[in-house]
Amino acid sequence: GWNQAEKTWDCPCHGARYDINGDVLTGPARRSLEKIELDDTGK
């Protein structure tokens, strides 16, 4: 989940950490998170 204090995405399953763009900061993950396009429609 999102770690507001560190501004990282932290995986609760295996402990990997990703930066705000989803790029790996610490493993065991070796690949970045898949990017998805979001659209804020105000709903």
PDB file of N, CA and C in Angstrom:
ATOM      1  N   GLY A   1       0.798  -1.177   0.000  1.00  0.00           N
ATOM      2  CA  GLY A   1       0.000   0.000   0.000  1.00  0.00           C
ATOM      3  C   GLY A   1       0.856   1.264   0.000  1.00  0.00           C
ATOM      4  N   TRP A   2       0.219   2.371  -0.141  1.00  0.00           N
ATOM      5  CA  TRP A   2       0.910   3.662  -0.196  1.00  0.00           C
ATOM      6  C   TRP A   2       1.414   4.041   1.187  1.00  0.00           C
ATOM      7  N   ASN A   3       2.697   4.376   1.290  1.00  0.00           N
ATOM      8  CA  ASN A   3       3.333   4.824   2.527  1.00  0.00           C
ATOM      9  C   ASN A   3       3.496   6.336   2.418  1.00  0.00           C
ATOM     10  N   GLN A   4       2.582   7.079   3.006  1.00  0.00           N
ATOM     11  CA  GLN A   4       2.573   8.543   2.888  1.00  0.00           C
ATOM     12  C   GLN A   4       3.833   9.170   3.478  1.00  0.00           C
ATOM     13  N   ALA A   5       4.314   8.652   4.595  1.00  0.00           N
ATOM     14  CA  ALA A   5       5.495   9.223   5.248  1.00  0.00           C
ATOM     15  C   ALA A   5       6.741   9.109   4.376  1.00  0.00           C
ATOM     16  N   GLU A   6       6.891   7.971   3.692  1.00  0.00           N
ATOM     17  CA  GLU A   6       8.078   7.727   2.863  1.00  0.00           C
ATOM     18  C   GLU A   6       7.845   8.036   1.385  1.00  0.00           C
ATOM     19  N   LYS A   7       6.562   8.262   1.018  1.00  0.00           N
ATOM     20  CA  LYS A   7       6.186   8.479  -0.386  1.00  0.00           C
ATOM     21  C   LYS A   7       6.610   7.290  -1.251  1.00  0.00           C
ATOM     22  N   THR A   8       6.292   6.076  -0.759  1.00  0.00           N
ATOM     23  CA  THR A   8       6.616   4.846  -1.475  1.00  0.00           C
ATOM     24  C   THR A   8       5.409   3.922  -1.479  1.00  0.00           C
ATOM     25  N   TRP A   9       5.402   2.998  -2.443  1.00  0.00           N
ATOM     26  CA  TRP A   9       4.453   1.900  -2.453  1.00  0.00           C
ATOM     27  C   TRP A   9       5.161   0.729  -1.795  1.00  0.00           C
ATOM     28  N   ASP A  10       4.593   0.181  -0.718  1.00  0.00           N
ATOM     29  CA  ASP A  10       5.207  -0.910   0.033  1.00  0.00           C
ATOM     30  C   ASP A  10       4.354  -2.165  -0.097  1.00  0.00           C
ATOM     31  N   CYS A  11       4.972  -3.260  -0.544  1.00  0.00           N
ATOM     32  CA  CYS A  11       4.245  -4.519  -0.708  1.00  0.00           C
ATOM     33  C   CYS A  11       4.176  -5.261   0.622  1.00  0.00           C
ATOM     34  N   PRO A  12       2.963  -5.511   1.140  1.00  0.00           N
ATOM     35  CA  PRO A  12       2.835  -6.223   2.408  1.00  0.00           C
ATOM     36  C   PRO A  12       3.123  -7.718   2.279  1.00  0.00           C
ATOM     37  N   CYS A  13       3.146  -8.253   1.058  1.00  0.00           N
ATOM     38  CA  CYS A  13       3.367  -9.692   0.862  1.00  0.00           C
ATOM     39  C   CYS A  13       4.838 -10.075   0.917  1.00  0.00           C
ATOM     40  N   HIS A  14       5.688  -9.328   0.206  1.00  0.00           N
ATOM     41  CA  HIS A  14       7.099  -9.714   0.156  1.00  0.00           C
ATOM     42  C   HIS A  14       8.061  -8.598   0.530  1.00  0.00           C
ATOM     43  N   GLY A  15       7.554  -7.424   0.896  1.00  0.00           N
ATOM     44  CA  GLY A  15       8.410  -6.368   1.426  1.00  0.00           C
ATOM     45  C   GLY A  15       9.112  -5.487   0.417  1.00  0.00           C
ATOM     46  N   ALA A  16       8.821  -5.652  -0.862  1.00  0.00           N
ATOM     47  CA  ALA A  16       9.441  -4.778  -1.861  1.00  0.00           C
ATOM     48  C   ALA A  16       8.926  -3.355  -1.677  1.00  0.00           C
ATOM     49  N   ARG A  17       9.745  -2.390  -2.080  1.00  0.00           N
ATOM     50  CA  ARG A  17       9.338  -0.986  -2.018  1.00  0.00           C
ATOM     51  C   ARG A  17       9.546  -0.367  -3.396  1.00  0.00           C
ATOM     52  N   TYR A  18       8.600   0.490  -3.768  1.00  0.00           N
ATOM     53  CA  TYR A  18       8.608   1.140  -5.073  1.00  0.00           C
ATOM     54  C   TYR A  18       8.475   2.643  -4.878  1.00  0.00           C
ATOM     55  N   ASP A  19       9.062   3.405  -5.793  1.00  0.00           N
ATOM     56  CA  ASP A  19       8.919   4.858  -5.701  1.00  0.00           C
ATOM     57  C   ASP A  19       7.546   5.277  -6.204  1.00  0.00           C
ATOM     58  N   ILE A  20       7.293   6.566  -6.218  1.00  0.00           N
ATOM     59  CA  ILE A  20       5.975   7.089  -6.597  1.00  0.00           C
ATOM     60  C   ILE A  20       5.574   6.699  -8.022  1.00  0.00           C
ATOM     61  N   ASN A  21       6.569   6.419  -8.883  1.00  0.00           N
ATOM     62  CA  ASN A  21       6.301   6.015 -10.265  1.00  0.00           C
ATOM     63  C   ASN A  21       6.207   4.509 -10.435  1.00  0.00           C
ATOM     64  N   GLY A  22       6.407   3.751  -9.352  1.00  0.00           N
ATOM     65  CA  GLY A  22       6.322   2.298  -9.426  1.00  0.00           C
ATOM     66  C   GLY A  22       7.636   1.611  -9.740  1.00  0.00           C
ATOM     67  N   ASP A  23       8.741   2.350  -9.731  1.00  0.00           N
ATOM     68  CA  ASP A  23      10.048   1.748  -9.981  1.00  0.00           C
ATOM     69  C   ASP A  23      10.589   1.143  -8.690  1.00  0.00           C
ATOM     70  N   VAL A  24      11.250  -0.011  -8.800  1.00  0.00           N
ATOM     71  CA  VAL A  24      11.752  -0.739  -7.636  1.00  0.00           C
ATOM     72  C   VAL A  24      12.810   0.070  -6.892  1.00  0.00           C
ATOM     73  N   LEU A  25      12.617   0.209  -5.586  1.00  0.00           N
ATOM     74  CA  LEU A  25      13.631   0.807  -4.713  1.00  0.00           C
ATOM     75  C   LEU A  25      14.400  -0.288  -3.988  1.00  0.00           C
ATOM     76  N   THR A  26      13.670  -1.267  -3.429  1.00  0.00           N
ATOM     77  CA  THR A  26      14.288  -2.408  -2.760  1.00  0.00           C
ATOM     78  C   THR A  26      13.514  -3.670  -3.089  1.00  0.00           C
ATOM     79  N   GLY A  27      14.224  -4.792  -3.190  1.00  0.00           N
ATOM     80  CA  GLY A  27      13.654  -6.073  -3.575  1.00  0.00           C
ATOM     81  C   GLY A  27      12.946  -6.758  -2.432  1.00  0.00           C
ATOM     82  N   PRO A  28      12.481  -7.951  -2.735  1.00  0.00           N
ATOM     83  CA  PRO A  28      12.979  -8.881  -3.731  1.00  0.00           C
ATOM     84  C   PRO A  28      12.464  -8.667  -5.152  1.00  0.00           C
ATOM     85  N   ALA A  29      11.540  -7.766  -5.372  1.00  0.00           N
ATOM     86  CA  ALA A  29      11.037  -7.523  -6.733  1.00  0.00           C
ATOM     87  C   ALA A  29      12.175  -7.060  -7.640  1.00  0.00           C
ATOM     88  N   ARG A  30      12.110  -7.486  -8.904  1.00  0.00           N
ATOM     89  CA  ARG A  30      13.128  -7.085  -9.876  1.00  0.00           C
ATOM     90  C   ARG A  30      12.545  -6.238 -11.005  1.00  0.00           C
ATOM     91  N   ARG A  31      11.208  -6.170 -11.054  1.00  0.00           N
ATOM     92  CA  ARG A  31      10.550  -5.395 -12.108  1.00  0.00           C
ATOM     93  C   ARG A  31       9.718  -4.284 -11.495  1.00  0.00           C
ATOM     94  N   SER A  32       9.574  -3.214 -12.239  1.00  0.00           N
ATOM     95  CA  SER A  32       8.715  -2.109 -11.817  1.00  0.00           C
ATOM     96  C   SER A  32       7.261  -2.546 -11.855  1.00  0.00           C
ATOM     97  N   LEU A  33       6.421  -1.810 -11.150  1.00  0.00           N
ATOM     98  CA  LEU A  33       4.988  -2.067 -11.205  1.00  0.00           C
ATOM     99  C   LEU A  33       4.461  -1.724 -12.590  1.00  0.00           C
ATOM    100  N   GLU A  34       3.432  -2.448 -13.016  1.00  0.00           N
ATOM    101  CA  GLU A  34       2.795  -2.155 -14.296  1.00  0.00           C
ATOM    102  C   GLU A  34       2.059  -0.827 -14.180  1.00  0.00           C
ATOM    103  N   LYS A  35       2.248   0.017 -15.162  1.00  0.00           N
ATOM    104  CA  LYS A  35       1.591   1.325 -15.153  1.00  0.00           C
ATOM    105  C   LYS A  35       0.215   1.207 -15.801  1.00  0.00           C
ATOM    106  N   ILE A  36      -0.758   1.868 -15.188  1.00  0.00           N
ATOM    107  CA  ILE A  36      -2.100   1.920 -15.754  1.00  0.00           C
ATOM    108  C   ILE A  36      -2.494   3.382 -15.903  1.00  0.00           C
ATOM    109  N   GLU A  37      -3.346   3.645 -16.853  1.00  0.00           N
ATOM    110  CA  GLU A  37      -3.803   5.008 -17.088  1.00  0.00           C
ATOM    111  C   GLU A  37      -5.090   5.244 -16.309  1.00  0.00           C
ATOM    112  N   LEU A  38      -5.127   6.328 -15.567  1.00  0.00           N
ATOM    113  CA  LEU A  38      -6.312   6.690 -14.795  1.00  0.00           C
ATOM    114  C   LEU A  38      -6.918   7.965 -15.352  1.00  0.00           C
ATOM    115  N   ASP A  39      -8.221   8.070 -15.231  1.00  0.00           N
ATOM    116  CA  ASP A  39      -8.926   9.253 -15.694  1.00  0.00           C
ATOM    117  C   ASP A  39      -9.800   9.757 -14.552  1.00  0.00           C
ATOM    118  N   ASP A  40      -9.540  10.960 -14.098  1.00  0.00           N
ATOM    119  CA  ASP A  40     -10.320  11.545 -13.013  1.00  0.00           C
ATOM    120  C   ASP A  40     -11.507  12.282 -13.615  1.00  0.00           C
ATOM    121  N   THR A  41     -12.672  11.662 -13.520  1.00  0.00           N
ATOM    122  CA  THR A  41     -13.875  12.254 -14.095  1.00  0.00           C
ATOM    123  C   THR A  41     -14.668  13.045 -13.064  1.00  0.00           C
ATOM    124  N   GLY A  42     -14.170  13.096 -11.833  1.00  0.00           N
ATOM    125  CA  GLY A  42     -14.857  13.847 -10.798  1.00  0.00           C
ATOM    126  C   GLY A  42     -15.986  13.088 -10.137  1.00  0.00           C
ATOM    127  N   LYS A  43     -16.113  11.801 -10.426  1.00  0.00           N
ATOM    128  CA  LYS A  43     -17.191  10.995  -9.834  1.00  0.00           C
ATOM    129  C   LYS A  43     -16.686  10.266  -8.625  1.00  0.00           C
TER     130      LYS A  43
END
